[in-house]
Amino acid sequence: MDGQNLRDIAELGPAETGRLLMFRAFDPEEPDADVPDPYYGGDEGFHEVLAMVERTCDGIVDALRRLRLG
């Protein structure tokens, strides 16, 4: 899902969006940015997206731990 998809869902109303977040809301470097399509960046594009996904997943795990520990 990209930013346009989120905006489209938000137009349906708050009940539809609920607690919906962009994946990169948990990215410490660029919160709420879209995940780019690595296809157009060659090999380096894939490496950059992998690094982005890994650090964002770390952020998601940290957020879940905080929720659990309350």
PDB file of N, CA and C in Angstrom:
ATOM      1  N   MET A   1       0.848  -1.175   0.000  1.00  0.00           N
ATOM      2  CA  MET A   1       0.000   0.000   0.000  1.00  0.00           C
ATOM      3  C   MET A   1       0.890   1.232   0.000  1.00  0.00           C
ATOM      4  N   ASP A   2       0.542   2.191  -0.816  1.00  0.00           N
ATOM      5  CA  ASP A   2       1.292   3.442  -0.837  1.00  0.00           C
ATOM      6  C   ASP A   2       0.423   4.567  -0.272  1.00  0.00           C
ATOM      7  N   GLY A   3       0.970   5.760  -0.253  1.00  0.00           N
ATOM      8  CA  GLY A   3       0.268   6.900   0.317  1.00  0.00           C
ATOM      9  C   GLY A   3      -1.064   7.172  -0.350  1.00  0.00           C
ATOM     10  N   GLN A   4      -1.147   6.974  -1.659  1.00  0.00           N
ATOM     11  CA  GLN A   4      -2.415   7.198  -2.353  1.00  0.00           C
ATOM     12  C   GLN A   4      -3.459   6.176  -1.917  1.00  0.00           C
ATOM     13  N   ASN A   5      -3.050   4.923  -1.734  1.00  0.00           N
ATOM     14  CA  ASN A   5      -3.988   3.915  -1.256  1.00  0.00           C
ATOM     15  C   ASN A   5      -4.539   4.299   0.118  1.00  0.00           C
ATOM     16  N   LEU A   6      -3.677   4.778   0.999  1.00  0.00           N
ATOM     17  CA  LEU A   6      -4.107   5.176   2.344  1.00  0.00           C
ATOM     18  C   LEU A   6      -5.086   6.346   2.257  1.00  0.00           C
ATOM     19  N   ARG A   7      -4.805   7.320   1.402  1.00  0.00           N
ATOM     20  CA  ARG A   7      -5.726   8.454   1.231  1.00  0.00           C
ATOM     21  C   ARG A   7      -7.074   7.996   0.686  1.00  0.00           C
ATOM     22  N   ASP A   8      -7.050   7.058  -0.242  1.00  0.00           N
ATOM     23  CA  ASP A   8      -8.305   6.535  -0.793  1.00  0.00           C
ATOM     24  C   ASP A   8      -9.139   5.859   0.296  1.00  0.00           C
ATOM     25  N   ILE A   9      -8.495   5.089   1.142  1.00  0.00           N
ATOM     26  CA  ILE A   9      -9.207   4.423   2.236  1.00  0.00           C
ATOM     27  C   ILE A   9      -9.727   5.450   3.236  1.00  0.00           C
ATOM     28  N   ALA A  10      -8.932   6.467   3.527  1.00  0.00           N
ATOM     29  CA  ALA A  10      -9.338   7.496   4.484  1.00  0.00           C
ATOM     30  C   ALA A  10     -10.593   8.223   4.016  1.00  0.00           C
ATOM     31  N   GLU A  11     -10.768   8.350   2.709  1.00  0.00           N
ATOM     32  CA  GLU A  11     -11.967   9.010   2.177  1.00  0.00           C
ATOM     33  C   GLU A  11     -13.236   8.214   2.482  1.00  0.00           C
ATOM     34  N   LEU A  12     -13.091   6.927   2.766  1.00  0.00           N
ATOM     35  CA  LEU A  12     -14.254   6.105   3.101  1.00  0.00           C
ATOM     36  C   LEU A  12     -14.776   6.410   4.499  1.00  0.00           C
ATOM     37  N   GLY A  13     -13.914   6.975   5.348  1.00  0.00           N
ATOM     38  CA  GLY A  13     -14.334   7.361   6.686  1.00  0.00           C
ATOM     39  C   GLY A  13     -13.462   6.731   7.750  1.00  0.00           C
ATOM     40  N   PRO A  14     -13.562   7.241   8.978  1.00  0.00           N
ATOM     41  CA  PRO A  14     -12.693   6.770  10.058  1.00  0.00           C
ATOM     42  C   PRO A  14     -12.897   5.304  10.422  1.00  0.00           C
ATOM     43  N   ALA A  15     -14.106   4.783  10.248  1.00  0.00           N
ATOM     44  CA  ALA A  15     -14.335   3.378  10.588  1.00  0.00           C
ATOM     45  C   ALA A  15     -13.504   2.458   9.697  1.00  0.00           C
ATOM     46  N   GLU A  16     -13.268   2.872   8.468  1.00  0.00           N
ATOM     47  CA  GLU A  16     -12.497   2.037   7.540  1.00  0.00           C
ATOM     48  C   GLU A  16     -10.995   2.115   7.808  1.00  0.00           C
ATOM     49  N   THR A  17     -10.527   3.246   8.265  1.00  0.00           N
ATOM     50  CA  THR A  17      -9.087   3.371   8.489  1.00  0.00           C
ATOM     51  C   THR A  17      -8.693   2.851   9.858  1.00  0.00           C
ATOM     52  N   GLY A  18      -9.523   3.080  10.863  1.00  0.00           N
ATOM     53  CA  GLY A  18      -9.234   2.564  12.199  1.00  0.00           C
ATOM     54  C   GLY A  18      -7.811   2.838  12.626  1.00  0.00           C
ATOM     55  N   ARG A  19      -7.085   1.782  12.867  1.00  0.00           N
ATOM     56  CA  ARG A  19      -5.691   1.903  13.304  1.00  0.00           C
ATOM     57  C   ARG A  19      -4.722   1.571  12.182  1.00  0.00           C
ATOM     58  N   LEU A  20      -5.132   1.798  10.975  1.00  0.00           N
ATOM     59  CA  LEU A  20      -4.319   1.502   9.802  1.00  0.00           C
ATOM     60  C   LEU A  20      -3.153   2.472   9.709  1.00  0.00           C
ATOM     61  N   LEU A  21      -1.963   1.929   9.521  1.00  0.00           N
ATOM     62  CA  LEU A  21      -0.747   2.731   9.389  1.00  0.00           C
ATOM     63  C   LEU A  21       0.018   2.293   8.161  1.00  0.00           C
ATOM     64  N   MET A  22       0.812   3.198   7.663  1.00  0.00           N
ATOM     65  CA  MET A  22       1.745   2.845   6.602  1.00  0.00           C
ATOM     66  C   MET A  22       2.866   1.988   7.207  1.00  0.00           C
ATOM     67  N   PHE A  23       3.381   1.061   6.427  1.00  0.00           N
ATOM     68  CA  PHE A  23       4.465   0.184   6.885  1.00  0.00           C
ATOM     69  C   PHE A  23       5.625   0.998   7.445  1.00  0.00           C
ATOM     70  N   ARG A  24       5.992   2.050   6.740  1.00  0.00           N
ATOM     71  CA  ARG A  24       7.168   2.810   7.141  1.00  0.00           C
ATOM     72  C   ARG A  24       6.886   3.822   8.251  1.00  0.00           C
ATOM     73  N   ALA A  25       5.709   3.771   8.841  1.00  0.00           N
ATOM     74  CA  ALA A  25       5.455   4.589  10.031  1.00  0.00           C
ATOM     75  C   ALA A  25       6.441   4.223  11.130  1.00  0.00           C
ATOM     76  N   PHE A  26       7.019   3.039  11.026  1.00  0.00           N
ATOM     77  CA  PHE A  26       7.963   2.541  12.024  1.00  0.00           C
ATOM     78  C   PHE A  26       9.415   2.647  11.566  1.00  0.00           C
ATOM     79  N   ASP A  27       9.655   3.291  10.443  1.00  0.00           N
ATOM     80  CA  ASP A  27      11.013   3.472   9.917  1.00  0.00           C
ATOM     81  C   ASP A  27      11.660   4.655  10.631  1.00  0.00           C
ATOM     82  N   PRO A  28      12.750   4.423  11.364  1.00  0.00           N
ATOM     83  CA  PRO A  28      13.377   5.521  12.095  1.00  0.00           C
ATOM     84  C   PRO A  28      14.015   6.577  11.186  1.00  0.00           C
ATOM     85  N   GLU A  29      14.284   6.233   9.949  1.00  0.00           N
ATOM     86  CA  GLU A  29      14.940   7.186   9.046  1.00  0.00           C
ATOM     87  C   GLU A  29      13.965   8.031   8.244  1.00  0.00           C
ATOM     88  N   GLU A  30      12.880   7.442   7.758  1.00  0.00           N
ATOM     89  CA  GLU A  30      11.908   8.177   6.934  1.00  0.00           C
ATOM     90  C   GLU A  30      10.490   7.705   7.264  1.00  0.00           C
ATOM     91  N   PRO A  31       9.973   8.099   8.426  1.00  0.00           N
ATOM     92  CA  PRO A  31       8.636   7.633   8.798  1.00  0.00           C
ATOM     93  C   PRO A  31       7.571   8.061   7.795  1.00  0.00           C
ATOM     94  N   ASP A  32       6.687   7.143   7.495  1.00  0.00           N
ATOM     95  CA  ASP A  32       5.517   7.350   6.643  1.00  0.00           C
ATOM     96  C   ASP A  32       5.826   7.511   5.158  1.00  0.00           C
ATOM     97  N   ALA A  33       7.054   7.295   4.749  1.00  0.00           N
ATOM     98  CA  ALA A  33       7.374   7.338   3.322  1.00  0.00           C
ATOM     99  C   ALA A  33       6.887   6.051   2.654  1.00  0.00           C
ATOM    100  N   ASP A  34       6.698   6.096   1.364  1.00  0.00           N
ATOM    101  CA  ASP A  34       6.332   4.895   0.615  1.00  0.00           C
ATOM    102  C   ASP A  34       7.546   3.986   0.477  1.00  0.00           C
ATOM    103  N   VAL A  35       7.290   2.713   0.274  1.00  0.00           N
ATOM    104  CA  VAL A  35       8.356   1.771  -0.074  1.00  0.00           C
ATOM    105  C   VAL A  35       8.480   1.838  -1.596  1.00  0.00           C
ATOM    106  N   PRO A  36       9.626   2.249  -2.095  1.00  0.00           N
ATOM    107  CA  PRO A  36       9.763   2.374  -3.551  1.00  0.00           C
ATOM    108  C   PRO A  36       9.816   1.007  -4.230  1.00  0.00           C
ATOM    109  N   ASP A  37       9.473   0.992  -5.496  1.00  0.00           N
ATOM    110  CA  ASP A  37       9.562  -0.224  -6.298  1.00  0.00           C
ATOM    111  C   ASP A  37      11.033  -0.443  -6.639  1.00  0.00           C
ATOM    112  N   PRO A  38      11.645  -1.511  -6.146  1.00  0.00           N
ATOM    113  CA  PRO A  38      13.079  -1.709  -6.380  1.00  0.00           C
ATOM    114  C   PRO A  38      13.421  -2.069  -7.816  1.00  0.00           C
ATOM    115  N   TYR A  39      12.438  -2.447  -8.583  1.00  0.00           N
ATOM    116  CA  TYR A  39      12.679  -2.870  -9.967  1.00  0.00           C
ATOM    117  C   TYR A  39      13.404  -1.796 -10.765  1.00  0.00           C
ATOM    118  N   TYR A  40      13.062  -0.544 -10.522  1.00  0.00           N
ATOM    119  CA  TYR A  40      13.631   0.545 -11.320  1.00  0.00           C
ATOM    120  C   TYR A  40      14.979   1.016 -10.816  1.00  0.00           C
ATOM    121  N   GLY A  41      15.452   0.471  -9.712  1.00  0.00           N
ATOM    122  CA  GLY A  41      16.724   0.897  -9.160  1.00  0.00           C
ATOM    123  C   GLY A  41      17.864  -0.076  -9.392  1.00  0.00           C
ATOM    124  N   GLY A  42      17.638  -1.087 -10.224  1.00  0.00           N
ATOM    125  CA  GLY A  42      18.678  -2.080 -10.471  1.00  0.00           C
ATOM    126  C   GLY A  42      19.001  -2.850  -9.204  1.00  0.00           C
ATOM    127  N   ASP A  43      20.170  -3.482  -9.174  1.00  0.00           N
ATOM    128  CA  ASP A  43      20.579  -4.262  -8.001  1.00  0.00           C
ATOM    129  C   ASP A  43      20.616  -3.399  -6.747  1.00  0.00           C
ATOM    130  N   GLU A  44      21.120  -2.177  -6.881  1.00  0.00           N
ATOM    131  CA  GLU A  44      21.221  -1.277  -5.726  1.00  0.00           C
ATOM    132  C   GLU A  44      19.836  -0.951  -5.161  1.00  0.00           C
ATOM    133  N   GLY A  45      18.844  -0.837  -6.034  1.00  0.00           N
ATOM    134  CA  GLY A  45      17.478  -0.576  -5.579  1.00  0.00           C
ATOM    135  C   GLY A  45      16.962  -1.677  -4.679  1.00  0.00           C
ATOM    136  N   PHE A  46      17.274  -2.911  -5.021  1.00  0.00           N
ATOM    137  CA  PHE A  46      16.849  -4.046  -4.199  1.00  0.00           C
ATOM    138  C   PHE A  46      17.562  -4.035  -2.848  1.00  0.00           C
ATOM    139  N   HIS A  47      18.845  -3.695  -2.849  1.00  0.00           N
ATOM    140  CA  HIS A  47      19.597  -3.625  -1.585  1.00  0.00           C
ATOM    141  C   HIS A  47      19.039  -2.520  -0.689  1.00  0.00           C
ATOM    142  N   GLU A  48      18.717  -1.393  -1.277  1.00  0.00           N
ATOM    143  CA  GLU A  48      18.171  -0.269  -0.503  1.00  0.00           C
ATOM    144  C   GLU A  48      16.812  -0.612   0.095  1.00  0.00           C
ATOM    145  N   VAL A  49      15.953  -1.250  -0.695  1.00  0.00           N
ATOM    146  CA  VAL A  49      14.629  -1.616  -0.188  1.00  0.00           C
ATOM    147  C   VAL A  49      14.750  -2.688   0.889  1.00  0.00           C
ATOM    148  N   LEU A  50      15.644  -3.642   0.725  1.00  0.00           N
ATOM    149  CA  LEU A  50      15.848  -4.659   1.752  1.00  0.00           C
ATOM    150  C   LEU A  50      16.292  -4.017   3.063  1.00  0.00           C
ATOM    151  N   ALA A  51      17.243  -3.099   3.000  1.00  0.00           N
ATOM    152  CA  ALA A  51      17.699  -2.410   4.217  1.00  0.00           C
ATOM    153  C   ALA A  51      16.551  -1.637   4.856  1.00  0.00           C
ATOM    154  N   MET A  52      15.734  -0.994   4.039  1.00  0.00           N
ATOM    155  CA  MET A  52      14.575  -0.229   4.518  1.00  0.00           C
ATOM    156  C   MET A  52      13.584  -1.152   5.236  1.00  0.00           C
ATOM    157  N   VAL A  53      13.299  -2.286   4.616  1.00  0.00           N
ATOM    158  CA  VAL A  53      12.350  -3.237   5.193  1.00  0.00           C
ATOM    159  C   VAL A  53      12.898  -3.816   6.491  1.00  0.00           C
ATOM    160  N   GLU A  54      14.177  -4.146   6.533  1.00  0.00           N
ATOM    161  CA  GLU A  54      14.759  -4.713   7.749  1.00  0.00           C
ATOM    162  C   GLU A  54      14.711  -3.734   8.913  1.00  0.00           C
ATOM    163  N   ARG A  55      15.081  -2.465   8.684  1.00  0.00           N
ATOM    164  CA  ARG A  55      15.073  -1.513   9.803  1.00  0.00           C
ATOM    165  C   ARG A  55      13.643  -1.176  10.229  1.00  0.00           C
ATOM    166  N   THR A  56      12.719  -1.166   9.263  1.00  0.00           N
ATOM    167  CA  THR A  56      11.328  -0.896   9.595  1.00  0.00           C
ATOM    168  C   THR A  56      10.736  -2.057  10.390  1.00  0.00           C
ATOM    169  N   CYS A  57      11.070  -3.276  10.022  1.00  0.00           N
ATOM    170  CA  CYS A  57      10.608  -4.437  10.789  1.00  0.00           C
ATOM    171  C   CYS A  57      11.141  -4.384  12.218  1.00  0.00           C
ATOM    172  N   ASP A  58      12.385  -3.961  12.383  1.00  0.00           N
ATOM    173  CA  ASP A  58      12.927  -3.787  13.737  1.00  0.00           C
ATOM    174  C   ASP A  58      12.081  -2.780  14.516  1.00  0.00           C
ATOM    175  N   GLY A  59      11.665  -1.710  13.867  1.00  0.00           N
ATOM    176  CA  GLY A  59      10.815  -0.714  14.510  1.00  0.00           C
ATOM    177  C   GLY A  59       9.456  -1.272  14.888  1.00  0.00           C
ATOM    178  N   ILE A  60       8.894  -2.119  14.039  1.00  0.00           N
ATOM    179  CA  ILE A  60       7.606  -2.742  14.342  1.00  0.00           C
ATOM    180  C   ILE A  60       7.738  -3.666  15.547  1.00  0.00           C
ATOM    181  N   VAL A  61       8.786  -4.466  15.574  1.00  0.00           N
ATOM    182  CA  VAL A  61       9.009  -5.374  16.713  1.00  0.00           C
ATOM    183  C   VAL A  61       9.171  -4.567  17.996  1.00  0.00           C
ATOM    184  N   ASP A  62       9.932  -3.489  17.959  1.00  0.00           N
ATOM    185  CA  ASP A  62      10.103  -2.641  19.142  1.00  0.00           C
ATOM    186  C   ASP A  62       8.762  -2.077  19.612  1.00  0.00           C
ATOM    187  N   ALA A  63       7.931  -1.620  18.677  1.00  0.00           N
ATOM    188  CA  ALA A  63       6.620  -1.071  19.035  1.00  0.00           C
ATOM    189  C   ALA A  63       5.731  -2.137  19.662  1.00  0.00           C
ATOM    190  N   LEU A  64       5.761  -3.335  19.125  1.00  0.00           N
ATOM    191  CA  LEU A  64       4.970  -4.417  19.690  1.00  0.00           C
ATOM    192  C   LEU A  64       5.446  -4.795  21.081  1.00  0.00           C
ATOM    193  N   ARG A  65       6.744  -4.774  21.283  1.00  0.00           N
ATOM    194  CA  ARG A  65       7.287  -5.061  22.633  1.00  0.00           C
ATOM    195  C   ARG A  65       6.808  -4.005  23.632  1.00  0.00           C
ATOM    196  N   ARG A  66       6.824  -2.732  23.219  1.00  0.00           N
ATOM    197  CA  ARG A  66       6.357  -1.668  24.107  1.00  0.00           C
ATOM    198  C   ARG A  66       4.885  -1.844  24.447  1.00  0.00           C
ATOM    199  N   LEU A  67       4.081  -2.225  23.458  1.00  0.00           N
ATOM    200  CA  LEU A  67       2.661  -2.473  23.713  1.00  0.00           C
ATOM    201  C   LEU A  67       2.458  -3.619  24.688  1.00  0.00           C
ATOM    202  N   ARG A  68       3.220  -4.660  24.501  1.00  0.00           N
ATOM    203  CA  ARG A  68       3.102  -5.854  25.352  1.00  0.00           C
ATOM    204  C   ARG A  68       3.523  -5.553  26.787  1.00  0.00           C
ATOM    205  N   LEU A  69       4.589  -4.767  26.926  1.00  0.00           N
ATOM    206  CA  LEU A  69       5.093  -4.450  28.271  1.00  0.00           C
ATOM    207  C   LEU A  69       4.279  -3.346  28.916  1.00  0.00           C
ATOM    208  N   GLY A  70       3.531  -2.631  28.083  1.00  0.00           N
ATOM    209  CA  GLY A  70       2.600  -1.614  28.510  1.00  0.00           C
ATOM    210  C   GLY A  70       3.106  -0.531  29.328  1.00  0.00           C
TER     211      GLY A  70
END
